[in-house]
Amino acid sequence: MTTAVIAFRRAPGLRHLLTLLLVFALGMGVQASGLVTDIMDYWGDIVFLSQQHMVLVLVSGGLAIVTGVSLGILLSRPAMRRWAEAVMQVLNIGTTIPTLAVLALSMTLLGLGFTPAVFGLWLATLLPITRNTYQGLLAVPPALKEAATGMGMGSGRMLLKVELPNALFVIFAGIRTALAVNVGTVPLAFLIGGGGLGELIFTGIDLAEPGMMLAGAIPTALLAILVDFLVGQGQMWLIPRGVNPLR
């Protein structure tokens, strides 16, 4: 390894400067190509469809969080552990089958519109939350559970006071992954009448209009980054210091 490479790795300020210069050069190139003007022509559509996009994310992601965490808790109970892997394999259908096929199944069962789109997105993002909740609860050190039992805690109180706080970091990691996937999958909901930024993306592809396509693709990427950042901040500040590796 050369001295220059070692110095570069040890100089985060230099890396940040080069990243900014690269982004600036890329922005200048896009500006010169006229794509910025083409994208801004669809500003009204971007605002309206972004709102639809986020509603789909909030509803389907919220349902996935409630269902996934509840199911993970249920499967982590001693009486249900023998069924855990079988349930995980069933949920794995949502990730092994192409998302478009999952949405097509939703359309077949529920028709077109918002409801089948939410159902398909819910199914496609359920597994990471359920699996992380289940594995996070199983990873709680047995010594902590024994100490809680010795203090007279019942199973319900132990879950709330000992198991969930110690599993929160892993649970948040599953939620973070699931919501990032959800935001990137929502454009497909347009194909079954669910709305969202997929309208600009797929219409732009059909019409061979790069500006229209990027007017949907760029906000989708920015929304995914924003959601990941917000969940990451929640992972940082909502999890108690003693069980949070980030603090």
Protein backbone atom coordinates (compact mmCIF):
# COMPACT_ATOMS: atom_id res chain seq x y z
CA MET A 1 0.00 0.00 0.00
CA THR A 2 1.50 3.34 -1.04
CA THR A 3 2.08 6.26 1.29
CA ALA A 4 -0.45 8.37 -0.64
CA VAL A 5 -3.21 5.79 -0.14
CA ILE A 6 -2.45 5.51 3.58
CA ALA A 7 -2.48 9.30 3.95
CA PHE A 8 -5.79 9.50 2.06
CA ARG A 9 -7.41 6.94 4.36
CA ARG A 10 -6.21 8.81 7.43
CA ALA A 11 -7.47 12.19 6.21
CA PRO A 12 -11.29 12.29 6.44
CA GLY A 13 -11.29 16.02 5.65
CA LEU A 14 -9.59 15.34 2.33
CA ARG A 15 -12.09 12.59 1.51
CA HIS A 16 -14.99 14.91 2.27
CA LEU A 17 -13.47 17.63 0.08
CA LEU A 18 -13.01 15.24 -2.83
CA THR A 19 -16.59 14.00 -2.38
CA LEU A 20 -17.92 17.55 -2.48
CA LEU A 21 -15.85 18.30 -5.58
CA LEU A 22 -17.19 15.17 -7.27
CA VAL A 23 -20.78 16.07 -6.40
CA PHE A 24 -20.22 19.63 -7.62
CA ALA A 25 -18.74 18.41 -10.90
CA LEU A 26 -21.64 15.99 -11.36
CA GLY A 27 -24.13 18.77 -10.63
CA MET A 28 -22.46 21.07 -13.16
CA GLY A 29 -22.58 18.32 -15.77
CA VAL A 30 -26.29 17.69 -15.14
CA GLN A 31 -26.97 21.45 -15.24
CA ALA A 32 -25.14 21.79 -18.56
CA SER A 33 -27.12 18.91 -20.04
CA GLY A 34 -30.40 20.71 -19.39
CA LEU A 35 -31.83 17.89 -17.27
CA VAL A 36 -32.36 20.19 -14.27
CA THR A 37 -34.72 22.36 -16.31
CA ASP A 38 -36.51 19.29 -17.63
CA ILE A 39 -36.95 17.92 -14.09
CA MET A 40 -38.19 21.24 -12.67
CA ASP A 41 -40.92 21.31 -15.32
CA TYR A 42 -42.57 18.53 -13.30
CA TRP A 43 -42.23 20.24 -9.91
CA GLY A 44 -45.98 20.31 -9.25
CA ASP A 45 -46.25 16.60 -10.05
CA ILE A 46 -43.22 15.84 -7.87
CA VAL A 47 -44.79 17.53 -4.83
CA PHE A 48 -48.19 15.89 -5.30
CA LEU A 49 -46.87 12.40 -6.05
CA SER A 50 -44.29 12.59 -3.23
CA GLN A 51 -47.16 13.10 -0.81
CA GLN A 52 -48.91 10.00 -2.20
CA HIS A 53 -45.59 8.13 -1.99
CA MET A 54 -45.08 8.98 1.68
CA VAL A 55 -48.66 8.06 2.58
CA LEU A 56 -48.08 4.62 1.08
CA VAL A 57 -44.81 4.29 3.02
CA LEU A 58 -46.34 5.45 6.31
CA VAL A 59 -49.41 3.20 6.08
CA SER A 60 -47.75 0.03 4.77
CA GLY A 61 -44.59 0.55 6.86
CA GLY A 62 -46.59 1.31 10.00
CA LEU A 63 -48.67 -1.82 9.56
CA ALA A 64 -45.50 -3.85 8.93
CA ILE A 65 -43.89 -2.51 12.12
CA VAL A 66 -46.93 -3.27 14.27
CA THR A 67 -47.42 -6.73 12.74
CA GLY A 68 -43.75 -7.66 12.54
CA VAL A 69 -42.84 -6.64 16.08
CA SER A 70 -45.94 -8.32 17.51
CA LEU A 71 -45.31 -11.52 15.55
CA GLY A 72 -41.62 -11.55 16.49
CA ILE A 73 -42.52 -11.21 20.18
CA LEU A 74 -45.07 -14.00 19.89
CA LEU A 75 -42.63 -16.36 18.14
CA SER A 76 -39.92 -15.68 20.74
CA ARG A 77 -42.08 -17.09 23.55
CA PRO A 78 -40.96 -20.59 24.58
CA ALA A 79 -44.26 -22.22 23.64
CA MET A 80 -44.08 -20.83 20.06
CA ARG A 81 -40.39 -21.22 19.20
CA ARG A 82 -40.86 -24.55 17.47
CA TRP A 83 -43.09 -22.78 14.91
CA ALA A 84 -40.77 -19.83 14.39
CA GLU A 85 -38.77 -21.03 11.39
CA ALA A 86 -41.87 -22.33 9.62
CA VAL A 87 -43.51 -18.92 9.99
CA MET A 88 -40.31 -17.21 8.79
CA GLN A 89 -40.30 -19.36 5.67
CA VAL A 90 -43.89 -18.37 4.93
CA LEU A 91 -43.01 -14.69 5.37
CA ASN A 92 -39.95 -15.19 3.19
CA ILE A 93 -42.34 -15.54 0.26
CA GLY A 94 -42.67 -11.78 0.31
CA THR A 95 -38.94 -11.37 -0.42
CA THR A 96 -38.13 -14.40 -2.60
CA ILE A 97 -40.99 -13.81 -5.04
CA PRO A 98 -40.41 -10.68 -7.18
CA THR A 99 -42.18 -7.67 -5.69
CA LEU A 100 -44.09 -7.11 -8.91
CA ALA A 101 -45.54 -10.62 -8.58
CA VAL A 102 -46.55 -9.88 -4.97
CA LEU A 103 -48.33 -6.72 -6.14
CA ALA A 104 -49.98 -8.69 -8.96
CA LEU A 105 -51.26 -11.16 -6.37
CA SER A 106 -52.58 -8.25 -4.32
CA MET A 107 -54.33 -6.88 -7.40
CA THR A 108 -55.88 -10.31 -8.09
CA LEU A 109 -57.20 -10.57 -4.53
CA LEU A 110 -58.20 -6.95 -3.85
CA GLY A 111 -58.45 -5.23 -7.23
CA LEU A 112 -56.77 -1.94 -8.15
CA GLY A 113 -55.99 1.09 -6.00
CA PHE A 114 -54.61 2.07 -2.63
CA THR A 115 -55.66 -0.98 -0.59
CA PRO A 116 -53.97 -3.70 -2.72
CA ALA A 117 -50.85 -1.52 -2.98
CA VAL A 118 -50.64 -1.24 0.82
CA PHE A 119 -51.23 -4.99 1.20
CA GLY A 120 -48.47 -5.87 -1.27
CA LEU A 121 -45.99 -3.44 0.27
CA TRP A 122 -46.86 -4.67 3.77
CA LEU A 123 -46.19 -8.27 2.75
CA ALA A 124 -42.94 -7.38 0.95
CA THR A 125 -41.45 -5.59 3.98
CA LEU A 126 -42.71 -7.75 6.84
CA LEU A 127 -39.88 -10.30 7.08
CA PRO A 128 -36.91 -8.10 8.21
CA ILE A 129 -38.90 -6.65 11.10
CA THR A 130 -40.25 -10.00 12.26
CA ARG A 131 -36.91 -11.78 12.01
CA ASN A 132 -34.93 -9.05 13.75
CA THR A 133 -37.48 -8.82 16.56
CA TYR A 134 -37.38 -12.59 17.05
CA GLN A 135 -33.59 -12.83 16.91
CA GLY A 136 -33.09 -9.74 19.07
CA LEU A 137 -35.26 -11.18 21.84
CA LEU A 138 -33.53 -14.55 21.67
CA ALA A 139 -30.14 -12.83 21.95
CA VAL A 140 -30.92 -11.30 25.36
CA PRO A 141 -28.40 -12.82 27.82
CA PRO A 142 -29.97 -15.59 29.95
CA ALA A 143 -28.30 -14.12 33.04
CA LEU A 144 -30.46 -11.00 32.74
CA LYS A 145 -33.60 -13.12 32.55
CA GLU A 146 -32.52 -15.15 35.57
CA ALA A 147 -31.84 -11.95 37.52
CA ALA A 148 -35.28 -10.61 36.57
CA THR A 149 -36.90 -13.86 37.68
CA GLY A 150 -35.01 -13.66 40.96
CA MET A 151 -36.41 -10.14 41.48
CA GLY A 152 -39.93 -11.55 41.16
CA MET A 153 -40.74 -10.33 37.65
CA GLY A 154 -43.41 -12.17 35.71
CA SER A 155 -43.08 -12.95 31.99
CA GLY A 156 -44.95 -9.82 30.90
CA ARG A 157 -42.97 -7.44 33.07
CA MET A 158 -39.72 -9.14 32.10
CA LEU A 159 -40.58 -8.62 28.43
CA LEU A 160 -41.20 -4.89 28.91
CA LYS A 161 -38.42 -4.14 31.39
CA VAL A 162 -35.63 -6.50 30.32
CA GLU A 163 -36.08 -8.23 26.96
CA LEU A 164 -37.43 -5.44 24.74
CA PRO A 165 -34.96 -2.75 25.93
CA ASN A 166 -32.05 -5.10 25.24
CA ALA A 167 -33.44 -6.11 21.83
CA LEU A 168 -34.39 -2.60 20.67
CA PHE A 169 -31.18 -1.98 18.73
CA VAL A 170 -31.64 -5.13 16.65
CA ILE A 171 -35.36 -4.40 16.19
CA PHE A 172 -34.60 -0.88 14.94
CA ALA A 173 -32.07 -2.33 12.48
CA GLY A 174 -34.83 -4.49 10.99
CA ILE A 175 -37.23 -1.54 10.82
CA ARG A 176 -34.56 0.60 9.16
CA THR A 177 -33.91 -2.02 6.48
CA ALA A 178 -37.61 -2.67 5.90
CA LEU A 179 -38.55 1.01 5.49
CA ALA A 180 -35.65 1.69 3.12
CA VAL A 181 -36.78 -1.24 0.97
CA ASN A 182 -40.37 -0.03 1.26
CA VAL A 183 -39.58 3.45 -0.08
CA GLY A 184 -37.74 1.97 -3.06
CA THR A 185 -40.54 -0.50 -3.77
CA VAL A 186 -43.44 1.97 -3.62
CA PRO A 187 -42.92 3.14 -7.26
CA LEU A 188 -44.16 -0.28 -8.38
CA ALA A 189 -47.50 0.47 -6.70
CA PHE A 190 -48.29 2.77 -9.64
CA LEU A 191 -48.67 -0.32 -11.83
CA ILE A 192 -51.71 -1.43 -9.81
CA GLY A 193 -53.23 2.02 -9.36
CA GLY A 194 -51.61 2.87 -6.03
CA GLY A 195 -50.11 6.20 -7.08
CA GLY A 196 -46.76 7.57 -5.98
CA LEU A 197 -43.63 8.67 -7.82
CA GLY A 198 -43.73 5.54 -9.96
CA GLU A 199 -46.15 7.45 -12.18
CA LEU A 200 -43.33 9.75 -13.32
CA ILE A 201 -40.77 6.94 -13.53
CA PHE A 202 -42.76 4.51 -15.64
CA THR A 203 -44.43 7.15 -17.78
CA GLY A 204 -41.00 8.65 -18.46
CA ILE A 205 -39.70 5.24 -19.50
CA ASP A 206 -42.69 4.63 -21.80
CA LEU A 207 -42.34 8.06 -23.43
CA ALA A 208 -38.52 7.95 -23.53
CA GLU A 209 -38.42 11.18 -21.48
CA PRO A 210 -35.31 11.14 -19.24
CA GLY A 211 -36.39 14.33 -17.46
CA MET A 212 -39.73 12.84 -16.43
CA MET A 213 -38.13 9.57 -15.37
CA LEU A 214 -35.51 11.35 -13.23
CA ALA A 215 -38.21 13.60 -11.77
CA GLY A 216 -39.58 10.45 -10.17
CA ALA A 217 -36.35 8.54 -9.54
CA ILE A 218 -34.37 11.30 -7.81
CA PRO A 219 -37.08 12.19 -5.24
CA THR A 220 -37.54 8.46 -4.55
CA ALA A 221 -33.83 8.10 -3.78
CA LEU A 222 -33.88 11.25 -1.62
CA LEU A 223 -36.92 9.98 0.30
CA ALA A 224 -35.16 6.65 0.94
CA ILE A 225 -32.12 8.51 2.30
CA LEU A 226 -34.35 10.73 4.46
CA VAL A 227 -36.28 7.80 5.92
CA ASP A 228 -33.07 5.90 6.63
CA PHE A 229 -31.61 8.99 8.33
CA LEU A 230 -34.69 9.56 10.49
CA VAL A 231 -34.89 5.93 11.62
CA GLY A 232 -31.16 6.01 12.28
CA GLN A 233 -31.63 9.06 14.50
CA GLY A 234 -34.42 7.23 16.32
CA GLN A 235 -32.07 4.28 16.78
CA MET A 236 -29.50 6.65 18.22
CA TRP A 237 -31.65 8.64 20.65
CA LEU A 238 -34.65 6.46 21.54
CA ILE A 239 -32.67 3.44 22.70
CA PRO A 240 -31.34 3.76 26.28
CA ARG A 241 -27.62 4.52 26.59
CA GLY A 242 -26.76 1.35 28.47
CA VAL A 243 -27.97 -0.96 25.69
CA ASN A 244 -27.13 1.25 22.70
CA PRO A 245 -23.78 0.49 21.02
CA LEU A 246 -23.98 3.83 19.15
CA ARG A 247 -23.85 5.77 22.42
